Amino acid sequence: QVQFAESGGGLVQPGGSLTLSCETSGRTFSRLSMGWYRQAPGKEREVVAAMRWTDGFTYYRYSVKDRFTIYRDNSKATVYLQMDGLKPEDTAAYYCVADPTLFPPNQYWGQGTQVTVSS
């Protein structure tokens, strides 16, 4: 089992930036693929960005590529999502996800943090 402590969500104006953080415990973090998903009201949950633990490969959803950056600090058992150039369509609940075997990760889910982009 993996426990999560997510933070960093909030209200930001279009064009602004936020950094989400997700600290984990319960499993060896360096052997977990980590990812961020999001779900907007009335829409399906979608993967935003993910990082594979075996080789460091990163995946980004096409709509966030060049605006969002996923990175991790294994010494802190924490994964981050740096979000720049935020748009209203980025508004959603963002979930931290961990998985020791699958990529994109899908096994263990955090409770989510809300990101709202609005003027």
PDB file of N, CA and C in Angstrom:
ATOM      1  N   GLN A   1       0.843  -1.193   0.000  1.00  0.00           N
ATOM      2  CA  GLN A   1       0.000   0.000   0.000  1.00  0.00           C
ATOM      3  C   GLN A   1       0.877   1.242   0.000  1.00  0.00           C
ATOM      4  N   VAL A   2       0.373   2.300  -0.624  1.00  0.00           N
ATOM      5  CA  VAL A   2       1.083   3.571  -0.699  1.00  0.00           C
ATOM      6  C   VAL A   2       0.210   4.653  -0.093  1.00  0.00           C
ATOM      7  N   GLN A   3       0.808   5.473   0.736  1.00  0.00           N
ATOM      8  CA  GLN A   3       0.101   6.630   1.278  1.00  0.00           C
ATOM      9  C   GLN A   3       0.627   7.882   0.581  1.00  0.00           C
ATOM     10  N   PHE A   4      -0.283   8.846   0.411  1.00  0.00           N
ATOM     11  CA  PHE A   4       0.048  10.063  -0.333  1.00  0.00           C
ATOM     12  C   PHE A   4      -0.241  11.302   0.503  1.00  0.00           C
ATOM     13  N   ALA A   5       0.592  12.315   0.291  1.00  0.00           N
ATOM     14  CA  ALA A   5       0.318  13.639   0.835  1.00  0.00           C
ATOM     15  C   ALA A   5       0.498  14.626  -0.311  1.00  0.00           C
ATOM     16  N   GLU A   6      -0.630  15.033  -0.902  1.00  0.00           N
ATOM     17  CA  GLU A   6      -0.607  15.946  -2.050  1.00  0.00           C
ATOM     18  C   GLU A   6      -0.798  17.379  -1.587  1.00  0.00           C
ATOM     19  N   SER A   7      -0.176  18.281  -2.288  1.00  0.00           N
ATOM     20  CA  SER A   7      -0.322  19.697  -1.967  1.00  0.00           C
ATOM     21  C   SER A   7       0.010  20.531  -3.202  1.00  0.00           C
ATOM     22  N   GLY A   8      -0.321  21.810  -3.113  1.00  0.00           N
ATOM     23  CA  GLY A   8       0.066  22.748  -4.152  1.00  0.00           C
ATOM     24  C   GLY A   8      -1.060  23.233  -5.039  1.00  0.00           C
ATOM     25  N   GLY A   9      -2.232  22.656  -4.918  1.00  0.00           N
ATOM     26  CA  GLY A   9      -3.352  23.117  -5.733  1.00  0.00           C
ATOM     27  C   GLY A   9      -3.848  24.478  -5.275  1.00  0.00           C
ATOM     28  N   GLY A  10      -4.721  25.051  -6.087  1.00  0.00           N
ATOM     29  CA  GLY A  10      -5.287  26.342  -5.720  1.00  0.00           C
ATOM     30  C   GLY A  10      -5.858  27.069  -6.919  1.00  0.00           C
ATOM     31  N   LEU A  11      -6.099  28.350  -6.723  1.00  0.00           N
ATOM     32  CA  LEU A  11      -6.658  29.218  -7.756  1.00  0.00           C
ATOM     33  C   LEU A  11      -5.531  30.054  -8.357  1.00  0.00           C
ATOM     34  N   VAL A  12      -5.474  30.069  -9.674  1.00  0.00           N
ATOM     35  CA  VAL A  12      -4.440  30.843 -10.364  1.00  0.00           C
ATOM     36  C   VAL A  12      -5.043  31.475 -11.612  1.00  0.00           C
ATOM     37  N   GLN A  13      -4.504  32.600 -11.997  1.00  0.00           N
ATOM     38  CA  GLN A  13      -4.988  33.282 -13.195  1.00  0.00           C
ATOM     39  C   GLN A  13      -4.418  32.622 -14.444  1.00  0.00           C
ATOM     40  N   PRO A  14      -5.115  32.748 -15.562  1.00  0.00           N
ATOM     41  CA  PRO A  14      -4.565  32.225 -16.822  1.00  0.00           C
ATOM     42  C   PRO A  14      -3.166  32.769 -17.086  1.00  0.00           C
ATOM     43  N   GLY A  15      -2.297  31.883 -17.521  1.00  0.00           N
ATOM     44  CA  GLY A  15      -0.907  32.250 -17.740  1.00  0.00           C
ATOM     45  C   GLY A  15      -0.022  32.061 -16.540  1.00  0.00           C
ATOM     46  N   GLY A  16      -0.617  31.789 -15.402  1.00  0.00           N
ATOM     47  CA  GLY A  16       0.136  31.623 -14.170  1.00  0.00           C
ATOM     48  C   GLY A  16       0.750  30.239 -14.032  1.00  0.00           C
ATOM     49  N   SER A  17       1.373  30.024 -12.881  1.00  0.00           N
ATOM     50  CA  SER A  17       2.070  28.776 -12.605  1.00  0.00           C
ATOM     51  C   SER A  17       1.684  28.216 -11.245  1.00  0.00           C
ATOM     52  N   LEU A  18       1.749  26.903 -11.161  1.00  0.00           N
ATOM     53  CA  LEU A  18       1.581  26.186  -9.893  1.00  0.00           C
ATOM     54  C   LEU A  18       2.503  24.987  -9.913  1.00  0.00           C
ATOM     55  N   THR A  19       2.927  24.552  -8.725  1.00  0.00           N
ATOM     56  CA  THR A  19       3.665  23.307  -8.607  1.00  0.00           C
ATOM     57  C   THR A  19       2.941  22.402  -7.621  1.00  0.00           C
ATOM     58  N   LEU A  20       2.540  21.245  -8.117  1.00  0.00           N
ATOM     59  CA  LEU A  20       1.926  20.234  -7.262  1.00  0.00           C
ATOM     60  C   LEU A  20       3.018  19.333  -6.691  1.00  0.00           C
ATOM     61  N   SER A  21       2.831  18.935  -5.443  1.00  0.00           N
ATOM     62  CA  SER A  21       3.760  18.024  -4.788  1.00  0.00           C
ATOM     63  C   SER A  21       3.005  16.808  -4.280  1.00  0.00           C
ATOM     64  N   CYS A  22       3.676  15.676  -4.299  1.00  0.00           N
ATOM     65  CA  CYS A  22       3.065  14.445  -3.816  1.00  0.00           C
ATOM     66  C   CYS A  22       4.133  13.636  -3.096  1.00  0.00           C
ATOM     67  N   GLU A  23       4.062  13.636  -1.782  1.00  0.00           N
ATOM     68  CA  GLU A  23       4.994  12.854  -0.975  1.00  0.00           C
ATOM     69  C   GLU A  23       4.358  11.510  -0.675  1.00  0.00           C
ATOM     70  N   THR A  24       5.125  10.453  -0.839  1.00  0.00           N
ATOM     71  CA  THR A  24       4.590   9.116  -0.636  1.00  0.00           C
ATOM     72  C   THR A  24       5.297   8.399   0.507  1.00  0.00           C
ATOM     73  N   SER A  25       4.665   7.339   0.967  1.00  0.00           N
ATOM     74  CA  SER A  25       5.252   6.451   1.965  1.00  0.00           C
ATOM     75  C   SER A  25       4.598   5.089   1.814  1.00  0.00           C
ATOM     76  N   GLY A  26       5.259   4.094   2.359  1.00  0.00           N
ATOM     77  CA  GLY A  26       4.687   2.759   2.342  1.00  0.00           C
ATOM     78  C   GLY A  26       5.341   1.800   1.382  1.00  0.00           C
ATOM     79  N   ARG A  27       5.952   2.309   0.321  1.00  0.00           N
ATOM     80  CA  ARG A  27       6.666   1.475  -0.647  1.00  0.00           C
ATOM     81  C   ARG A  27       7.989   2.169  -0.972  1.00  0.00           C
ATOM     82  N   THR A  28       8.922   1.396  -1.528  1.00  0.00           N
ATOM     83  CA  THR A  28      10.191   1.978  -1.956  1.00  0.00           C
ATOM     84  C   THR A  28       9.939   2.909  -3.125  1.00  0.00           C
ATOM     85  N   PHE A  29      10.077   4.207  -2.872  1.00  0.00           N
ATOM     86  CA  PHE A  29       9.677   5.210  -3.864  1.00  0.00           C
ATOM     87  C   PHE A  29      10.455   5.074  -5.164  1.00  0.00           C
ATOM     88  N   SER A  30      11.734   4.765  -5.067  1.00  0.00           N
ATOM     89  CA  SER A  30      12.566   4.700  -6.276  1.00  0.00           C
ATOM     90  C   SER A  30      12.141   3.586  -7.214  1.00  0.00           C
ATOM     91  N   ARG A  31      11.318   2.676  -6.736  1.00  0.00           N
ATOM     92  CA  ARG A  31      10.820   1.578  -7.573  1.00  0.00           C
ATOM     93  C   ARG A  31       9.338   1.745  -7.897  1.00  0.00           C
ATOM     94  N   LEU A  32       8.888   2.954  -7.892  1.00  0.00           N
ATOM     95  CA  LEU A  32       7.518   3.270  -8.270  1.00  0.00           C
ATOM     96  C   LEU A  32       7.516   4.179  -9.487  1.00  0.00           C
ATOM     97  N   SER A  33       6.780   3.796 -10.508  1.00  0.00           N
ATOM     98  CA  SER A  33       6.466   4.757 -11.550  1.00  0.00           C
ATOM     99  C   SER A  33       5.412   5.709 -10.994  1.00  0.00           C
ATOM    100  N   MET A  34       5.584   6.980 -11.287  1.00  0.00           N
ATOM    101  CA  MET A  34       4.699   8.000 -10.721  1.00  0.00           C
ATOM    102  C   MET A  34       4.034   8.793 -11.834  1.00  0.00           C
ATOM    103  N   GLY A  35       2.836   9.252 -11.555  1.00  0.00           N
ATOM    104  CA  GLY A  35       2.138  10.028 -12.561  1.00  0.00           C
ATOM    105  C   GLY A  35       1.121  10.960 -11.954  1.00  0.00           C
ATOM    106  N   TRP A  36       0.654  11.851 -12.773  1.00  0.00           N
ATOM    107  CA  TRP A  36      -0.414  12.772 -12.426  1.00  0.00           C
ATOM    108  C   TRP A  36      -1.547  12.603 -13.434  1.00  0.00           C
ATOM    109  N   TYR A  37      -2.753  12.418 -12.902  1.00  0.00           N
ATOM    110  CA  TYR A  37      -3.964  12.380 -13.701  1.00  0.00           C
ATOM    111  C   TYR A  37      -4.812  13.592 -13.308  1.00  0.00           C
ATOM    112  N   ARG A  38      -5.789  13.885 -14.134  1.00  0.00           N
ATOM    113  CA  ARG A  38      -6.735  14.932 -13.776  1.00  0.00           C
ATOM    114  C   ARG A  38      -8.126  14.562 -14.258  1.00  0.00           C
ATOM    115  N   GLN A  39      -9.103  15.162 -13.581  1.00  0.00           N
ATOM    116  CA  GLN A  39     -10.493  14.950 -13.975  1.00  0.00           C
ATOM    117  C   GLN A  39     -11.254  16.243 -13.775  1.00  0.00           C
ATOM    118  N   ALA A  40     -11.807  16.734 -14.867  1.00  0.00           N
ATOM    119  CA  ALA A  40     -12.647  17.922 -14.827  1.00  0.00           C
ATOM    120  C   ALA A  40     -14.101  17.485 -14.700  1.00  0.00           C
ATOM    121  N   PRO A  41     -14.959  18.349 -14.176  1.00  0.00           N
ATOM    122  CA  PRO A  41     -16.372  17.990 -14.017  1.00  0.00           C
ATOM    123  C   PRO A  41     -16.992  17.572 -15.342  1.00  0.00           C
ATOM    124  N   GLY A  42     -17.644  16.426 -15.342  1.00  0.00           N
ATOM    125  CA  GLY A  42     -18.317  15.948 -16.531  1.00  0.00           C
ATOM    126  C   GLY A  42     -17.412  15.321 -17.573  1.00  0.00           C
ATOM    127  N   LYS A  43     -16.131  15.190 -17.250  1.00  0.00           N
ATOM    128  CA  LYS A  43     -15.174  14.625 -18.202  1.00  0.00           C
ATOM    129  C   LYS A  43     -14.511  13.382 -17.617  1.00  0.00           C
ATOM    130  N   GLU A  44     -13.933  12.588 -18.490  1.00  0.00           N
ATOM    131  CA  GLU A  44     -13.230  11.391 -18.056  1.00  0.00           C
ATOM    132  C   GLU A  44     -11.871  11.752 -17.446  1.00  0.00           C
ATOM    133  N   ARG A  45     -11.425  10.895 -16.556  1.00  0.00           N
ATOM    134  CA  ARG A  45     -10.103  11.073 -15.986  1.00  0.00           C
ATOM    135  C   ARG A  45      -9.052  10.824 -17.066  1.00  0.00           C
ATOM    136  N   GLU A  46      -8.005  11.630 -17.083  1.00  0.00           N
ATOM    137  CA  GLU A  46      -6.979  11.496 -18.119  1.00  0.00           C
ATOM    138  C   GLU A  46      -5.596  11.636 -17.507  1.00  0.00           C
ATOM    139  N   VAL A  47      -4.659  10.932 -18.071  1.00  0.00           N
ATOM    140  CA  VAL A  47      -3.284  11.033 -17.608  1.00  0.00           C
ATOM    141  C   VAL A  47      -2.680  12.317 -18.148  1.00  0.00           C
ATOM    142  N   VAL A  48      -1.997  13.039 -17.289  1.00  0.00           N
ATOM    143  CA  VAL A  48      -1.384  14.312 -17.647  1.00  0.00           C
ATOM    144  C   VAL A  48       0.105  14.127 -17.919  1.00  0.00           C
ATOM    145  N   ALA A  49       0.778  13.481 -16.997  1.00  0.00           N
ATOM    146  CA  ALA A  49       2.218  13.258 -17.113  1.00  0.00           C
ATOM    147  C   ALA A  49       2.590  12.066 -16.245  1.00  0.00           C
ATOM    148  N   ALA A  50       3.634  11.355 -16.663  1.00  0.00           N
ATOM    149  CA  ALA A  50       4.060  10.182 -15.900  1.00  0.00           C
ATOM    150  C   ALA A  50       5.534   9.942 -16.117  1.00  0.00           C
ATOM    151  N   MET A  51       6.156   9.342 -15.102  1.00  0.00           N
ATOM    152  CA  MET A  51       7.583   9.032 -15.165  1.00  0.00           C
ATOM    153  C   MET A  51       7.793   7.584 -14.751  1.00  0.00           C
ATOM    154  N   ARG A  52       8.483   6.833 -15.600  1.00  0.00           N
ATOM    155  CA  ARG A  52       8.708   5.411 -15.356  1.00  0.00           C
ATOM    156  C   ARG A  52       9.971   5.218 -14.518  1.00  0.00           C
ATOM    157  N   TRP A  53       9.883   4.373 -13.496  1.00  0.00           N
ATOM    158  CA  TRP A  53      10.993   4.260 -12.560  1.00  0.00           C
ATOM    159  C   TRP A  53      12.160   3.491 -13.148  1.00  0.00           C
ATOM    160  N   THR A  54      11.912   2.600 -14.106  1.00  0.00           N
ATOM    161  CA  THR A  54      12.982   1.725 -14.591  1.00  0.00           C
ATOM    162  C   THR A  54      14.018   2.466 -15.422  1.00  0.00           C
ATOM    163  N   ASP A  55      13.593   3.469 -16.188  1.00  0.00           N
ATOM    164  CA  ASP A  55      14.542   4.137 -17.087  1.00  0.00           C
ATOM    165  C   ASP A  55      14.380   5.650 -17.121  1.00  0.00           C
ATOM    166  N   GLY A  56      13.459   6.185 -16.311  1.00  0.00           N
ATOM    167  CA  GLY A  56      13.273   7.624 -16.276  1.00  0.00           C
ATOM    168  C   GLY A  56      12.456   8.192 -17.415  1.00  0.00           C
ATOM    169  N   PHE A  57      11.913   7.313 -18.255  1.00  0.00           N
ATOM    170  CA  PHE A  57      11.103   7.783 -19.392  1.00  0.00           C
ATOM    171  C   PHE A  57       9.935   8.615 -18.870  1.00  0.00           C
ATOM    172  N   THR A  58       9.671   9.719 -19.554  1.00  0.00           N
ATOM    173  CA  THR A  58       8.544  10.563 -19.179  1.00  0.00           C
ATOM    174  C   THR A  58       7.545  10.660 -20.323  1.00  0.00           C
ATOM    175  N   TYR A  59       6.286  10.719 -19.940  1.00  0.00           N
ATOM    176  CA  TYR A  59       5.185  10.876 -20.890  1.00  0.00           C
ATOM    177  C   TYR A  59       4.421  12.131 -20.527  1.00  0.00           C
ATOM    178  N   TYR A  60       4.017  12.879 -21.551  1.00  0.00           N
ATOM    179  CA  TYR A  60       3.162  14.045 -21.345  1.00  0.00           C
ATOM    180  C   TYR A  60       1.970  13.984 -22.297  1.00  0.00           C
ATOM    181  N   ARG A  61       0.838  14.353 -21.775  1.00  0.00           N
ATOM    182  CA  ARG A  61      -0.329  14.514 -22.620  1.00  0.00           C
ATOM    183  C   ARG A  61      -0.037  15.637 -23.620  1.00  0.00           C
ATOM    184  N   TYR A  62      -0.529  15.483 -24.841  1.00  0.00           N
ATOM    185  CA  TYR A  62      -0.166  16.436 -25.897  1.00  0.00           C
ATOM    186  C   TYR A  62      -0.541  17.863 -25.520  1.00  0.00           C
ATOM    187  N   SER A  63      -1.649  18.035 -24.788  1.00  0.00           N
ATOM    188  CA  SER A  63      -2.150  19.376 -24.498  1.00  0.00           C
ATOM    189  C   SER A  63      -1.334  20.100 -23.415  1.00  0.00           C
ATOM    190  N   VAL A  64      -0.446  19.364 -22.718  1.00  0.00           N
ATOM    191  CA  VAL A  64       0.347  20.010 -21.663  1.00  0.00           C
ATOM    192  C   VAL A  64       1.838  19.986 -21.996  1.00  0.00           C
ATOM    193  N   LYS A  65       2.186  19.300 -23.052  1.00  0.00           N
ATOM    194  CA  LYS A  65       3.596  19.201 -23.416  1.00  0.00           C
ATOM    195  C   LYS A  65       4.158  20.598 -23.639  1.00  0.00           C
ATOM    196  N   ASP A  66       5.344  20.850 -23.134  1.00  0.00           N
ATOM    197  CA  ASP A  66       6.042  22.138 -23.206  1.00  0.00           C
ATOM    198  C   ASP A  66       5.504  23.157 -22.211  1.00  0.00           C
ATOM    199  N   ARG A  67       4.483  22.788 -21.438  1.00  0.00           N
ATOM    200  CA  ARG A  67       3.986  23.679 -20.377  1.00  0.00           C
ATOM    201  C   ARG A  67       4.153  23.057 -18.997  1.00  0.00           C
ATOM    202  N   PHE A  68       4.011  21.730 -18.909  1.00  0.00           N
ATOM    203  CA  PHE A  68       4.101  21.021 -17.634  1.00  0.00           C
ATOM    204  C   PHE A  68       5.399  20.207 -17.597  1.00  0.00           C
ATOM    205  N   THR A  69       5.932  20.043 -16.390  1.00  0.00           N
ATOM    206  CA  THR A  69       7.127  19.229 -16.195  1.00  0.00           C
ATOM    207  C   THR A  69       6.931  18.346 -14.968  1.00  0.00           C
ATOM    208  N   ILE A  70       7.113  17.053 -15.157  1.00  0.00           N
ATOM    209  CA  ILE A  70       7.081  16.118 -14.035  1.00  0.00           C
ATOM    210  C   ILE A  70       8.515  15.812 -13.639  1.00  0.00           C
ATOM    211  N   TYR A  71       8.780  15.808 -12.338  1.00  0.00           N
ATOM    212  CA  TYR A  71      10.103  15.424 -11.855  1.00  0.00           C
ATOM    213  C   TYR A  71       9.956  14.847 -10.458  1.00  0.00           C
ATOM    214  N   ARG A  72      10.992  14.144 -10.031  1.00  0.00           N
ATOM    215  CA  ARG A  72      10.915  13.452  -8.745  1.00  0.00           C
ATOM    216  C   ARG A  72      12.203  13.634  -7.967  1.00  0.00           C
ATOM    217  N   ASP A  73      12.063  13.534  -6.659  1.00  0.00           N
ATOM    218  CA  ASP A  73      13.210  13.557  -5.759  1.00  0.00           C
ATOM    219  C   ASP A  73      13.125  12.276  -4.936  1.00  0.00           C
ATOM    220  N   ASN A  74      13.903  11.282  -5.289  1.00  0.00           N
ATOM    221  CA  ASN A  74      13.823   9.993  -4.610  1.00  0.00           C
ATOM    222  C   ASN A  74      14.228  10.108  -3.141  1.00  0.00           C
ATOM    223  N   SER A  75      15.100  11.058  -2.825  1.00  0.00           N
ATOM    224  CA  SER A  75      15.537  11.209  -1.424  1.00  0.00           C
ATOM    225  C   SER A  75      14.405  11.720  -0.535  1.00  0.00           C
ATOM    226  N   LYS A  76      13.424  12.369  -1.159  1.00  0.00           N
ATOM    227  CA  LYS A  76      12.272  12.885  -0.419  1.00  0.00           C
ATOM    228  C   LYS A  76      11.002  12.083  -0.695  1.00  0.00           C
ATOM    229  N   ALA A  77      11.136  11.043  -1.510  1.00  0.00           N
ATOM    230  CA  ALA A  77       9.972  10.220  -1.892  1.00  0.00           C
ATOM    231  C   ALA A  77       8.834  11.099  -2.401  1.00  0.00           C
ATOM    232  N   THR A  78       9.184  12.045  -3.222  1.00  0.00           N
ATOM    233  CA  THR A  78       8.214  13.044  -3.675  1.00  0.00           C
ATOM    234  C   THR A  78       8.291  13.219  -5.188  1.00  0.00           C
ATOM    235  N   VAL A  79       7.122  13.335  -5.788  1.00  0.00           N
ATOM    236  CA  VAL A  79       7.016  13.661  -7.208  1.00  0.00           C
ATOM    237  C   VAL A  79       6.331  15.018  -7.319  1.00  0.00           C
ATOM    238  N   TYR A  80       6.733  15.768  -8.330  1.00  0.00           N
ATOM    239  CA  TYR A  80       6.241  17.124  -8.536  1.00  0.00           C
ATOM    240  C   TYR A  80       5.653  17.267  -9.940  1.00  0.00           C
ATOM    241  N   LEU A  81       4.759  18.211 -10.067  1.00  0.00           N
ATOM    242  CA  LEU A  81       4.264  18.595 -11.384  1.00  0.00           C
ATOM    243  C   LEU A  81       4.323  20.115 -11.453  1.00  0.00           C
ATOM    244  N   GLN A  82       5.305  20.613 -12.196  1.00  0.00           N
ATOM    245  CA  GLN A  82       5.439  22.047 -12.423  1.00  0.00           C
ATOM    246  C   GLN A  82       4.533  22.409 -13.589  1.00  0.00           C
ATOM    247  N   MET A  83       3.605  23.334 -13.359  1.00  0.00           N
ATOM    248  CA  MET A  83       2.637  23.711 -14.381  1.00  0.00           C
ATOM    249  C   MET A  83       2.804  25.200 -14.695  1.00  0.00           C
ATOM    250  N   ASP A  84       3.196  25.486 -15.908  1.00  0.00           N
ATOM    251  CA  ASP A  84       3.368  26.860 -16.375  1.00  0.00           C
ATOM    252  C   ASP A  84       2.377  27.153 -17.488  1.00  0.00           C
ATOM    253  N   GLY A  85       2.134  28.414 -17.740  1.00  0.00           N
ATOM    254  CA  GLY A  85       1.231  28.783 -18.814  1.00  0.00           C
ATOM    255  C   GLY A  85      -0.146  28.178 -18.663  1.00  0.00           C
ATOM    256  N   LEU A  86      -0.656  28.189 -17.440  1.00  0.00           N
ATOM    257  CA  LEU A  86      -1.930  27.526 -17.181  1.00  0.00           C
ATOM    258  C   LEU A  86      -3.072  28.169 -17.948  1.00  0.00           C
ATOM    259  N   LYS A  87      -3.991  27.314 -18.381  1.00  0.00           N
ATOM    260  CA  LYS A  87      -5.155  27.726 -19.158  1.00  0.00           C
ATOM    261  C   LYS A  87      -6.422  27.320 -18.408  1.00  0.00           C
ATOM    262  N   PRO A  88      -7.525  27.987 -18.683  1.00  0.00           N
ATOM    263  CA  PRO A  88      -8.781  27.599 -18.015  1.00  0.00           C
ATOM    264  C   PRO A  88      -9.119  26.120 -18.213  1.00  0.00           C
ATOM    265  N   GLU A  89      -8.755  25.565 -19.356  1.00  0.00           N
ATOM    266  CA  GLU A  89      -9.057  24.148 -19.608  1.00  0.00           C
ATOM    267  C   GLU A  89      -8.191  23.203 -18.789  1.00  0.00           C
ATOM    268  N   ASP A  90      -7.222  23.727 -18.050  1.00  0.00           N
ATOM    269  CA  ASP A  90      -6.438  22.904 -17.130  1.00  0.00           C
ATOM    270  C   ASP A  90      -7.144  22.738 -15.785  1.00  0.00           C
ATOM    271  N   THR A  91      -8.245  23.438 -15.605  1.00  0.00           N
ATOM    272  CA  THR A  91      -8.999  23.335 -14.358  1.00  0.00           C
ATOM    273  C   THR A  91      -9.506  21.910 -14.163  1.00  0.00           C
ATOM    274  N   ALA A  92      -9.166  21.324 -13.021  1.00  0.00           N
ATOM    275  CA  ALA A  92      -9.535  19.937 -12.735  1.00  0.00           C
ATOM    276  C   ALA A  92      -9.040  19.555 -11.349  1.00  0.00           C
ATOM    277  N   ALA A  93      -9.493  18.402 -10.898  1.00  0.00           N
ATOM    278  CA  ALA A  93      -8.883  17.765  -9.733  1.00  0.00           C
ATOM    279  C   ALA A  93      -7.701  16.947 -10.235  1.00  0.00           C
ATOM    280  N   TYR A  94      -6.565  17.145  -9.621  1.00  0.00           N
ATOM    281  CA  TYR A  94      -5.336  16.454 -10.040  1.00  0.00           C
ATOM    282  C   TYR A  94      -4.989  15.378  -9.014  1.00  0.00           C
ATOM    283  N   TYR A  95      -4.694  14.182  -9.530  1.00  0.00           N
ATOM    284  CA  TYR A  95      -4.437  13.032  -8.685  1.00  0.00           C
ATOM    285  C   TYR A  95      -3.019  12.512  -8.901  1.00  0.00           C
ATOM    286  N   CYS A  96      -2.359  12.222  -7.816  1.00  0.00           N
ATOM    287  CA  CYS A  96      -1.049  11.574  -7.846  1.00  0.00           C
ATOM    288  C   CYS A  96      -1.256  10.064  -7.855  1.00  0.00           C
ATOM    289  N   VAL A  97      -0.526   9.371  -8.724  1.00  0.00           N
ATOM    290  CA  VAL A  97      -0.719   7.936  -8.896  1.00  0.00           C
ATOM    291  C   VAL A  97       0.631   7.224  -8.875  1.00  0.00           C
ATOM    292  N   ALA A  98       0.663   6.056  -8.266  1.00  0.00           N
ATOM    293  CA  ALA A  98       1.895   5.280  -8.165  1.00  0.00           C
ATOM    294  C   ALA A  98       1.647   3.848  -8.597  1.00  0.00           C
ATOM    295  N   ASP A  99       2.682   3.226  -9.150  1.00  0.00           N
ATOM    296  CA  ASP A  99       2.555   1.839  -9.580  1.00  0.00           C
ATOM    297  C   ASP A  99       3.941   1.207  -9.698  1.00  0.00           C
ATOM    298  N   PRO A 100       4.127   0.035  -9.105  1.00  0.00           N
ATOM    299  CA  PRO A 100       5.446  -0.606  -9.191  1.00  0.00           C
ATOM    300  C   PRO A 100       5.669  -1.359 -10.492  1.00  0.00           C
ATOM    301  N   THR A 101       4.590  -1.618 -11.258  1.00  0.00           N
ATOM    302  CA  THR A 101       4.748  -2.466 -12.434  1.00  0.00           C
ATOM    303  C   THR A 101       4.198  -1.857 -13.723  1.00  0.00           C
ATOM    304  N   LEU A 102       3.071  -1.169 -13.674  1.00  0.00           N
ATOM    305  CA  LEU A 102       2.437  -0.689 -14.898  1.00  0.00           C
ATOM    306  C   LEU A 102       2.871   0.735 -15.235  1.00  0.00           C
ATOM    307  N   PHE A 103       2.839   1.025 -16.523  1.00  0.00           N
ATOM    308  CA  PHE A 103       3.082   2.387 -16.997  1.00  0.00           C
ATOM    309  C   PHE A 103       2.137   2.681 -18.149  1.00  0.00           C
ATOM    310  N   PRO A 104       1.408   3.805 -18.120  1.00  0.00           N
ATOM    311  CA  PRO A 104       1.336   4.770 -17.031  1.00  0.00           C
ATOM    312  C   PRO A 104       0.850   4.116 -15.731  1.00  0.00           C
ATOM    313  N   PRO A 105       1.269   4.638 -14.603  1.00  0.00           N
ATOM    314  CA  PRO A 105       0.897   4.048 -13.316  1.00  0.00           C
ATOM    315  C   PRO A 105      -0.606   4.115 -13.089  1.00  0.00           C
ATOM    316  N   ASN A 106      -1.104   3.106 -12.356  1.00  0.00           N
ATOM    317  CA  ASN A 106      -2.557   3.056 -12.183  1.00  0.00           C
ATOM    318  C   ASN A 106      -2.997   2.352 -10.907  1.00  0.00           C
ATOM    319  N   GLN A 107      -2.063   1.919 -10.055  1.00  0.00           N
ATOM    320  CA  GLN A 107      -2.466   1.063  -8.957  1.00  0.00           C
ATOM    321  C   GLN A 107      -2.881   1.818  -7.705  1.00  0.00           C
ATOM    322  N   TYR A 108      -2.072   2.753  -7.281  1.00  0.00           N
ATOM    323  CA  TYR A 108      -2.340   3.474  -6.040  1.00  0.00           C
ATOM    324  C   TYR A 108      -2.633   4.936  -6.354  1.00  0.00           C
ATOM    325  N   TRP A 109      -3.724   5.452  -5.738  1.00  0.00           N
ATOM    326  CA  TRP A 109      -4.193   6.798  -6.065  1.00  0.00           C
ATOM    327  C   TRP A 109      -4.225   7.671  -4.826  1.00  0.00           C
ATOM    328  N   GLY A 110      -3.796   8.919  -4.999  1.00  0.00           N
ATOM    329  CA  GLY A 110      -3.943   9.909  -3.953  1.00  0.00           C
ATOM    330  C   GLY A 110      -5.361  10.445  -3.915  1.00  0.00           C
ATOM    331  N   GLN A 111      -5.614  11.331  -2.980  1.00  0.00           N
ATOM    332  CA  GLN A 111      -6.971  11.846  -2.776  1.00  0.00           C
ATOM    333  C   GLN A 111      -7.310  12.998  -3.706  1.00  0.00           C
ATOM    334  N   GLY A 112      -6.310  13.572  -4.350  1.00  0.00           N
ATOM    335  CA  GLY A 112      -6.551  14.639  -5.313  1.00  0.00           C
ATOM    336  C   GLY A 112      -6.403  16.027  -4.721  1.00  0.00           C
ATOM    337  N   THR A 113      -6.021  16.950  -5.572  1.00  0.00           N
ATOM    338  CA  THR A 113      -5.931  18.359  -5.194  1.00  0.00           C
ATOM    339  C   THR A 113      -6.511  19.194  -6.331  1.00  0.00           C
ATOM    340  N   GLN A 114      -7.279  20.205  -5.984  1.00  0.00           N
ATOM    341  CA  GLN A 114      -8.006  20.997  -6.991  1.00  0.00           C
ATOM    342  C   GLN A 114      -7.131  22.101  -7.545  1.00  0.00           C
ATOM    343  N   VAL A 115      -7.145  22.218  -8.868  1.00  0.00           N
ATOM    344  CA  VAL A 115      -6.501  23.326  -9.572  1.00  0.00           C
ATOM    345  C   VAL A 115      -7.576  24.065 -10.350  1.00  0.00           C
ATOM    346  N   THR A 116      -7.693  25.357 -10.109  1.00  0.00           N
ATOM    347  CA  THR A 116      -8.675  26.182 -10.794  1.00  0.00           C
ATOM    348  C   THR A 116      -7.949  27.339 -11.465  1.00  0.00           C
ATOM    349  N   VAL A 117      -8.143  27.441 -12.776  1.00  0.00           N
ATOM    350  CA  VAL A 117      -7.513  28.510 -13.553  1.00  0.00           C
ATOM    351  C   VAL A 117      -8.617  29.446 -14.018  1.00  0.00           C
ATOM    352  N   SER A 118      -8.603  30.635 -13.467  1.00  0.00           N
ATOM    353  CA  SER A 118      -9.682  31.579 -13.750  1.00  0.00           C
ATOM    354  C   SER A 118      -9.228  32.992 -13.439  1.00  0.00           C
ATOM    355  N   SER A 119      -9.777  33.929 -14.211  1.00  0.00           N
ATOM    356  CA  SER A 119      -9.484  35.333 -13.934  1.00  0.00           C
ATOM    357  C   SER A 119     -10.557  35.937 -13.039  1.00  0.00           C
TER     358      SER A 119
END
